[in-house]
N, C-alpha and C. Protein backbone atom coordinates (compact mmCIF):
# COMPACT_ATOMS: atom_id res chain seq x y z
N MET A 1 -3.68 0.06 -11.10
CA MET A 1 -4.38 1.29 -10.79
C MET A 1 -3.42 2.46 -10.96
N THR A 2 -3.98 3.62 -11.08
CA THR A 2 -3.16 4.82 -11.24
C THR A 2 -2.85 5.44 -9.88
N ASP A 3 -1.85 6.30 -9.87
CA ASP A 3 -1.52 7.03 -8.64
C ASP A 3 -2.72 7.86 -8.18
N GLN A 4 -3.45 8.42 -9.13
CA GLN A 4 -4.62 9.23 -8.79
C GLN A 4 -5.72 8.37 -8.14
N GLU A 5 -5.88 7.14 -8.59
CA GLU A 5 -6.88 6.25 -8.00
C GLU A 5 -6.49 5.81 -6.60
N LEU A 6 -5.19 5.67 -6.34
CA LEU A 6 -4.72 5.24 -5.03
C LEU A 6 -4.65 6.37 -4.02
N ALA A 7 -4.51 7.60 -4.49
CA ALA A 7 -4.31 8.75 -3.60
C ALA A 7 -5.33 8.86 -2.47
N PRO A 8 -6.63 8.63 -2.69
CA PRO A 8 -7.59 8.78 -1.60
C PRO A 8 -7.40 7.76 -0.47
N TYR A 9 -6.66 6.69 -0.73
CA TYR A 9 -6.48 5.62 0.26
C TYR A 9 -5.18 5.76 1.07
N VAL A 10 -4.30 6.66 0.66
CA VAL A 10 -3.02 6.82 1.35
C VAL A 10 -3.28 7.25 2.80
N GLY A 11 -2.62 6.56 3.72
CA GLY A 11 -2.77 6.84 5.14
C GLY A 11 -3.93 6.12 5.79
N LYS A 12 -4.62 5.29 5.02
CA LYS A 12 -5.81 4.59 5.53
C LYS A 12 -5.59 3.08 5.51
N ALA A 13 -6.39 2.40 6.35
CA ALA A 13 -6.37 0.93 6.37
C ALA A 13 -7.07 0.42 5.11
N VAL A 14 -6.40 -0.48 4.40
CA VAL A 14 -6.92 -0.99 3.13
C VAL A 14 -6.72 -2.49 3.01
N ARG A 15 -7.52 -3.08 2.12
CA ARG A 15 -7.29 -4.43 1.62
C ARG A 15 -6.99 -4.27 0.13
N VAL A 16 -5.87 -4.83 -0.31
CA VAL A 16 -5.41 -4.62 -1.68
C VAL A 16 -5.22 -5.97 -2.36
N THR A 17 -5.75 -6.07 -3.57
CA THR A 17 -5.46 -7.23 -4.41
C THR A 17 -4.34 -6.81 -5.36
N LEU A 18 -3.25 -7.58 -5.33
CA LEU A 18 -2.08 -7.27 -6.16
C LEU A 18 -2.18 -7.97 -7.51
N ALA A 19 -1.45 -7.49 -8.47
CA ALA A 19 -1.47 -8.04 -9.82
C ALA A 19 -1.07 -9.52 -9.85
N ASP A 20 -0.29 -9.96 -8.87
CA ASP A 20 0.13 -11.37 -8.84
C ASP A 20 -0.89 -12.25 -8.11
N GLY A 21 -2.04 -11.66 -7.71
CA GLY A 21 -3.12 -12.43 -7.09
C GLY A 21 -3.13 -12.42 -5.57
N ARG A 22 -2.07 -11.92 -4.95
CA ARG A 22 -2.05 -11.89 -3.49
C ARG A 22 -2.98 -10.81 -2.96
N LEU A 23 -3.52 -11.05 -1.76
CA LEU A 23 -4.33 -10.08 -1.05
C LEU A 23 -3.56 -9.68 0.19
N VAL A 24 -3.35 -8.37 0.36
CA VAL A 24 -2.63 -7.86 1.53
C VAL A 24 -3.48 -6.78 2.19
N ALA A 25 -3.31 -6.65 3.50
CA ALA A 25 -4.07 -5.65 4.25
C ALA A 25 -3.13 -4.90 5.17
N GLY A 26 -3.42 -3.62 5.35
CA GLY A 26 -2.62 -2.78 6.23
C GLY A 26 -2.85 -1.33 5.88
N THR A 27 -1.98 -0.46 6.36
CA THR A 27 -2.07 0.96 6.07
C THR A 27 -1.26 1.26 4.81
N LEU A 28 -1.88 1.97 3.87
CA LEU A 28 -1.20 2.32 2.62
C LEU A 28 -0.39 3.59 2.82
N HIS A 29 0.89 3.52 2.51
CA HIS A 29 1.80 4.65 2.58
C HIS A 29 2.32 4.95 1.18
N ALA A 30 2.59 6.22 0.89
CA ALA A 30 3.15 6.62 -0.40
C ALA A 30 4.40 7.43 -0.19
N ASP A 31 5.37 7.24 -1.07
CA ASP A 31 6.59 8.03 -1.07
C ASP A 31 6.55 8.93 -2.29
N ASP A 32 6.02 10.13 -2.11
CA ASP A 32 5.85 11.06 -3.22
C ASP A 32 7.17 11.55 -3.80
N ALA A 33 8.24 11.40 -3.06
CA ALA A 33 9.54 11.86 -3.57
C ALA A 33 10.00 11.02 -4.76
N ASP A 34 9.43 9.81 -4.91
CA ASP A 34 9.87 8.93 -5.99
C ASP A 34 8.93 8.93 -7.18
N ASP A 35 7.98 9.86 -7.25
CA ASP A 35 7.06 9.86 -8.38
C ASP A 35 7.72 10.46 -9.61
N ALA A 36 6.96 10.58 -10.66
CA ALA A 36 7.50 11.06 -11.93
C ALA A 36 8.03 12.49 -11.82
N HIS A 37 7.57 13.23 -10.81
CA HIS A 37 8.04 14.60 -10.64
C HIS A 37 9.23 14.69 -9.68
N GLY A 38 9.60 13.57 -9.07
CA GLY A 38 10.71 13.56 -8.13
C GLY A 38 11.96 13.06 -8.80
N HIS A 39 12.18 11.76 -8.72
CA HIS A 39 13.40 11.19 -9.26
C HIS A 39 13.30 10.85 -10.74
N GLY A 40 12.12 10.99 -11.31
CA GLY A 40 11.99 10.88 -12.75
C GLY A 40 11.91 9.48 -13.33
N HIS A 41 11.66 8.46 -12.52
CA HIS A 41 11.57 7.15 -13.13
C HIS A 41 10.15 6.66 -13.35
N GLY A 42 9.17 7.56 -13.27
CA GLY A 42 7.86 7.30 -13.82
C GLY A 42 6.81 6.68 -12.94
N HIS A 43 7.09 6.40 -11.69
CA HIS A 43 6.05 5.86 -10.83
C HIS A 43 6.31 6.21 -9.37
N SER A 44 5.23 6.17 -8.59
CA SER A 44 5.37 6.37 -7.14
C SER A 44 5.68 5.04 -6.48
N HIS A 45 6.21 5.11 -5.31
CA HIS A 45 6.42 3.91 -4.51
C HIS A 45 5.39 3.90 -3.40
N TYR A 46 4.86 2.73 -3.12
CA TYR A 46 3.86 2.56 -2.07
C TYR A 46 4.33 1.44 -1.15
N ALA A 47 3.84 1.48 0.08
CA ALA A 47 4.07 0.38 1.01
C ALA A 47 2.76 0.13 1.74
N ILE A 48 2.46 -1.13 1.92
CA ILE A 48 1.34 -1.52 2.75
C ILE A 48 1.96 -2.10 4.02
N VAL A 49 1.66 -1.46 5.15
CA VAL A 49 2.30 -1.82 6.42
C VAL A 49 1.25 -2.33 7.38
N SER A 50 1.54 -3.49 7.98
CA SER A 50 0.63 -4.05 8.98
C SER A 50 1.42 -4.47 10.21
N ASP A 51 0.68 -4.72 11.27
CA ASP A 51 1.31 -5.13 12.53
C ASP A 51 2.06 -6.44 12.35
N PRO A 52 3.02 -6.71 13.22
CA PRO A 52 3.79 -7.95 13.11
C PRO A 52 2.90 -9.17 13.28
N ILE A 53 3.33 -10.25 12.68
CA ILE A 53 2.61 -11.52 12.81
C ILE A 53 2.76 -12.06 14.23
N ARG A 54 3.99 -11.97 14.76
CA ARG A 54 4.24 -12.40 16.14
C ARG A 54 4.59 -11.20 16.99
N GLU A 55 4.11 -11.18 18.20
CA GLU A 55 4.41 -10.10 19.12
C GLU A 55 5.92 -9.96 19.27
N GLY A 56 6.41 -8.73 19.19
CA GLY A 56 7.84 -8.47 19.32
C GLY A 56 8.57 -8.41 17.99
N ASP A 57 7.95 -8.92 16.92
CA ASP A 57 8.57 -8.85 15.60
C ASP A 57 8.37 -7.45 15.01
N GLN A 58 9.03 -7.20 13.90
CA GLN A 58 8.86 -5.93 13.20
C GLN A 58 7.57 -5.94 12.40
N LYS A 59 7.08 -4.75 12.08
CA LYS A 59 5.89 -4.64 11.24
C LYS A 59 6.18 -5.25 9.88
N VAL A 60 5.12 -5.73 9.25
CA VAL A 60 5.24 -6.34 7.93
C VAL A 60 5.05 -5.24 6.90
N ARG A 61 5.93 -5.21 5.90
CA ARG A 61 5.89 -4.16 4.88
C ARG A 61 5.94 -4.81 3.50
N GLU A 62 4.96 -4.47 2.67
CA GLU A 62 4.95 -4.91 1.27
C GLU A 62 5.21 -3.68 0.42
N LEU A 63 6.35 -3.64 -0.26
CA LEU A 63 6.73 -2.49 -1.08
C LEU A 63 6.19 -2.68 -2.49
N LEU A 64 5.57 -1.63 -3.02
CA LEU A 64 5.00 -1.67 -4.36
C LEU A 64 5.65 -0.59 -5.21
N HIS A 65 6.10 -0.97 -6.40
CA HIS A 65 6.71 -0.03 -7.33
C HIS A 65 5.65 0.42 -8.33
N GLY A 66 4.90 1.43 -7.95
CA GLY A 66 3.88 1.97 -8.83
C GLY A 66 2.51 1.35 -8.62
N GLY A 67 1.51 2.09 -9.04
CA GLY A 67 0.13 1.65 -8.90
C GLY A 67 -0.23 0.48 -9.78
N ASP A 68 0.57 0.21 -10.81
CA ASP A 68 0.28 -0.92 -11.70
C ASP A 68 0.30 -2.25 -10.97
N ALA A 69 0.95 -2.30 -9.81
CA ALA A 69 1.01 -3.54 -9.02
C ALA A 69 -0.31 -3.82 -8.32
N VAL A 70 -1.22 -2.84 -8.31
CA VAL A 70 -2.50 -2.96 -7.59
C VAL A 70 -3.64 -3.16 -8.58
N VAL A 71 -4.42 -4.23 -8.36
CA VAL A 71 -5.60 -4.50 -9.18
C VAL A 71 -6.82 -3.82 -8.58
N SER A 72 -6.97 -3.92 -7.25
CA SER A 72 -8.10 -3.28 -6.58
C SER A 72 -7.71 -2.91 -5.16
N VAL A 73 -8.39 -1.91 -4.62
CA VAL A 73 -8.17 -1.47 -3.25
C VAL A 73 -9.53 -1.17 -2.64
N GLU A 74 -9.68 -1.52 -1.37
CA GLU A 74 -10.93 -1.21 -0.67
C GLU A 74 -10.63 -0.79 0.76
N ASP A 75 -11.52 0.00 1.29
CA ASP A 75 -11.43 0.49 2.66
C ASP A 75 -11.50 -0.69 3.61
N ALA A 76 -10.58 -0.74 4.57
CA ALA A 76 -10.57 -1.82 5.56
C ALA A 76 -10.56 -1.24 6.98
N SER A 77 -11.09 -0.03 7.12
CA SER A 77 -11.06 0.62 8.43
C SER A 77 -11.88 -0.12 9.48
N ASP A 78 -12.76 -1.02 9.05
CA ASP A 78 -13.55 -1.81 9.98
C ASP A 78 -12.89 -3.14 10.33
N ASP A 79 -11.68 -3.37 9.82
CA ASP A 79 -10.97 -4.64 10.02
C ASP A 79 -9.78 -4.40 10.93
N PRO A 80 -9.87 -4.81 12.22
CA PRO A 80 -8.76 -4.57 13.15
C PRO A 80 -7.42 -5.14 12.66
N ALA A 81 -7.45 -6.20 11.88
CA ALA A 81 -6.22 -6.80 11.40
C ALA A 81 -5.53 -5.93 10.36
N ALA A 82 -6.25 -5.02 9.74
CA ALA A 82 -5.68 -4.18 8.70
C ALA A 82 -5.18 -2.85 9.24
N ILE A 83 -5.50 -2.53 10.47
CA ILE A 83 -5.12 -1.24 11.03
C ILE A 83 -3.73 -1.33 11.65
N GLU A 84 -2.83 -0.50 11.17
CA GLU A 84 -1.44 -0.51 11.61
C GLU A 84 -1.33 0.01 13.03
């Protein structure tokens, strides 16, 4: 997907299918400082962050290098497991 396609989902709970076939859920975050207009390497960085698997652990973070890593994204605001 493109950065423009992902932009409406930034800051929201999502379910994302990744190019490698994995499905991840959590809040989509974007680091705009790393886009083509920032450091110049041609893509934004994204992270999907969800609550820890075990109480007391750190939040789970899946780092994505550009929108190309995402095949599809959908709103997951109705899914308590996806809300950070």
